[in-house]
Amino acid sequence: MKWTDTLEIAIQLSEAHPDTDPATIRFTELHAKVLALPGFADDPNRSGEKILEAIQQAWIDEVS
């Protein structure tokens, strides 16, 4: 998985952290959770605010 796989990341985050409200997560915490996902293999420095926002929105949509 790479940073651009926002939907897959969101699905895995919702499964791994069912008690987390994605609307209230800080980007630093979101970044760490993405890096900890099994199968995630991208450069940690390639993410930015735009990518993290897309992942957060996909996660919100996933749990809604």
C-alpha atoms as a PDB file:
ATOM      1  CA  MET A   1       0.000   0.000   0.000  1.00  0.00           C
ATOM      2  CA  LYS A   2       1.133   3.524  -0.772  1.00  0.00           C
ATOM      3  CA  TRP A   3      -0.017   6.973   0.363  1.00  0.00           C
ATOM      4  CA  THR A   4      -2.189   7.301  -2.749  1.00  0.00           C
ATOM      5  CA  ASP A   5      -4.249   4.221  -1.792  1.00  0.00           C
ATOM      6  CA  THR A   6      -6.515   6.408   0.322  1.00  0.00           C
ATOM      7  CA  LEU A   7      -9.605   4.191   0.212  1.00  0.00           C
ATOM      8  CA  GLU A   8      -7.712   1.015   1.115  1.00  0.00           C
ATOM      9  CA  ILE A   9      -5.936   2.868   3.923  1.00  0.00           C
ATOM     10  CA  ALA A  10      -9.273   4.186   5.214  1.00  0.00           C
ATOM     11  CA  ILE A  11     -10.798   0.700   5.197  1.00  0.00           C
ATOM     12  CA  GLN A  12      -7.862  -0.744   7.098  1.00  0.00           C
ATOM     13  CA  LEU A  13      -7.858   2.129   9.594  1.00  0.00           C
ATOM     14  CA  SER A  14     -11.563   1.682  10.289  1.00  0.00           C
ATOM     15  CA  GLU A  15     -11.009  -2.035  10.914  1.00  0.00           C
ATOM     16  CA  ALA A  16      -7.878  -1.539  13.034  1.00  0.00           C
ATOM     17  CA  HIS A  17      -9.248   1.370  15.091  1.00  0.00           C
ATOM     18  CA  PRO A  18     -13.031   0.955  15.393  1.00  0.00           C
ATOM     19  CA  ASP A  19     -13.216   3.176  18.494  1.00  0.00           C
ATOM     20  CA  THR A  20     -11.371   6.112  16.913  1.00  0.00           C
ATOM     21  CA  ASP A  21     -13.386   9.040  15.588  1.00  0.00           C
ATOM     22  CA  PRO A  22     -11.583   9.974  12.365  1.00  0.00           C
ATOM     23  CA  ALA A  23     -13.097  13.460  12.430  1.00  0.00           C
ATOM     24  CA  THR A  24     -11.137  14.349  15.570  1.00  0.00           C
ATOM     25  CA  ILE A  25      -7.773  12.714  14.845  1.00  0.00           C
ATOM     26  CA  ARG A  26      -4.682  14.915  14.543  1.00  0.00           C
ATOM     27  CA  PHE A  27      -2.629  14.531  11.378  1.00  0.00           C
ATOM     28  CA  THR A  28       0.432  13.488  13.373  1.00  0.00           C
ATOM     29  CA  GLU A  29      -1.554  10.650  14.929  1.00  0.00           C
ATOM     30  CA  LEU A  30      -3.110   9.717  11.584  1.00  0.00           C
ATOM     31  CA  HIS A  31       0.340   9.621   9.988  1.00  0.00           C
ATOM     32  CA  ALA A  32       1.589   7.234  12.691  1.00  0.00           C
ATOM     33  CA  LYS A  33      -1.470   4.969  12.360  1.00  0.00           C
ATOM     34  CA  VAL A  34      -1.020   4.725   8.589  1.00  0.00           C
ATOM     35  CA  LEU A  35       2.667   3.848   8.955  1.00  0.00           C
ATOM     36  CA  ALA A  36       1.732   1.087  11.425  1.00  0.00           C
ATOM     37  CA  LEU A  37      -0.724  -0.605   9.052  1.00  0.00           C
ATOM     38  CA  PRO A  38       0.341  -4.049   7.841  1.00  0.00           C
ATOM     39  CA  GLY A  39       1.171  -3.943   4.169  1.00  0.00           C
ATOM     40  CA  PHE A  40       1.943  -0.221   4.131  1.00  0.00           C
ATOM     41  CA  ALA A  41       5.201   0.259   2.256  1.00  0.00           C
ATOM     42  CA  ASP A  42       5.816   3.837   1.227  1.00  0.00           C
ATOM     43  CA  ASP A  43       8.235   6.553   2.219  1.00  0.00           C
ATOM     44  CA  PRO A  44       6.986   8.184   5.445  1.00  0.00           C
ATOM     45  CA  ASN A  45       8.156  11.555   4.124  1.00  0.00           C
ATOM     46  CA  ARG A  46       5.990  11.388   0.985  1.00  0.00           C
ATOM     47  CA  SER A  47       2.809  12.254   2.830  1.00  0.00           C
ATOM     48  CA  GLY A  48       1.589  15.780   3.209  1.00  0.00           C
ATOM     49  CA  GLU A  49      -1.426  17.638   4.483  1.00  0.00           C
ATOM     50  CA  LYS A  50      -3.351  17.051   1.247  1.00  0.00           C
ATOM     51  CA  ILE A  51      -2.849  13.270   1.353  1.00  0.00           C
ATOM     52  CA  LEU A  52      -3.650  13.067   5.057  1.00  0.00           C
ATOM     53  CA  GLU A  53      -6.828  15.102   4.491  1.00  0.00           C
ATOM     54  CA  ALA A  54      -7.880  12.693   1.730  1.00  0.00           C
ATOM     55  CA  ILE A  55      -7.234   9.681   3.974  1.00  0.00           C
ATOM     56  CA  GLN A  56      -9.119  11.295   6.859  1.00  0.00           C
ATOM     57  CA  GLN A  57     -12.116  12.097   4.628  1.00  0.00           C
ATOM     58  CA  ALA A  58     -12.162   8.570   3.180  1.00  0.00           C
ATOM     59  CA  TRP A  59     -12.061   7.175   6.731  1.00  0.00           C
ATOM     60  CA  ILE A  60     -14.934   9.442   7.796  1.00  0.00           C
ATOM     61  CA  ASP A  61     -16.917   8.298   4.750  1.00  0.00           C
ATOM     62  CA  GLU A  62     -16.108   4.662   5.548  1.00  0.00           C
ATOM     63  CA  VAL A  63     -17.535   4.808   9.068  1.00  0.00           C
ATOM     64  CA  SER A  64     -20.539   6.989   8.210  1.00  0.00           C
END
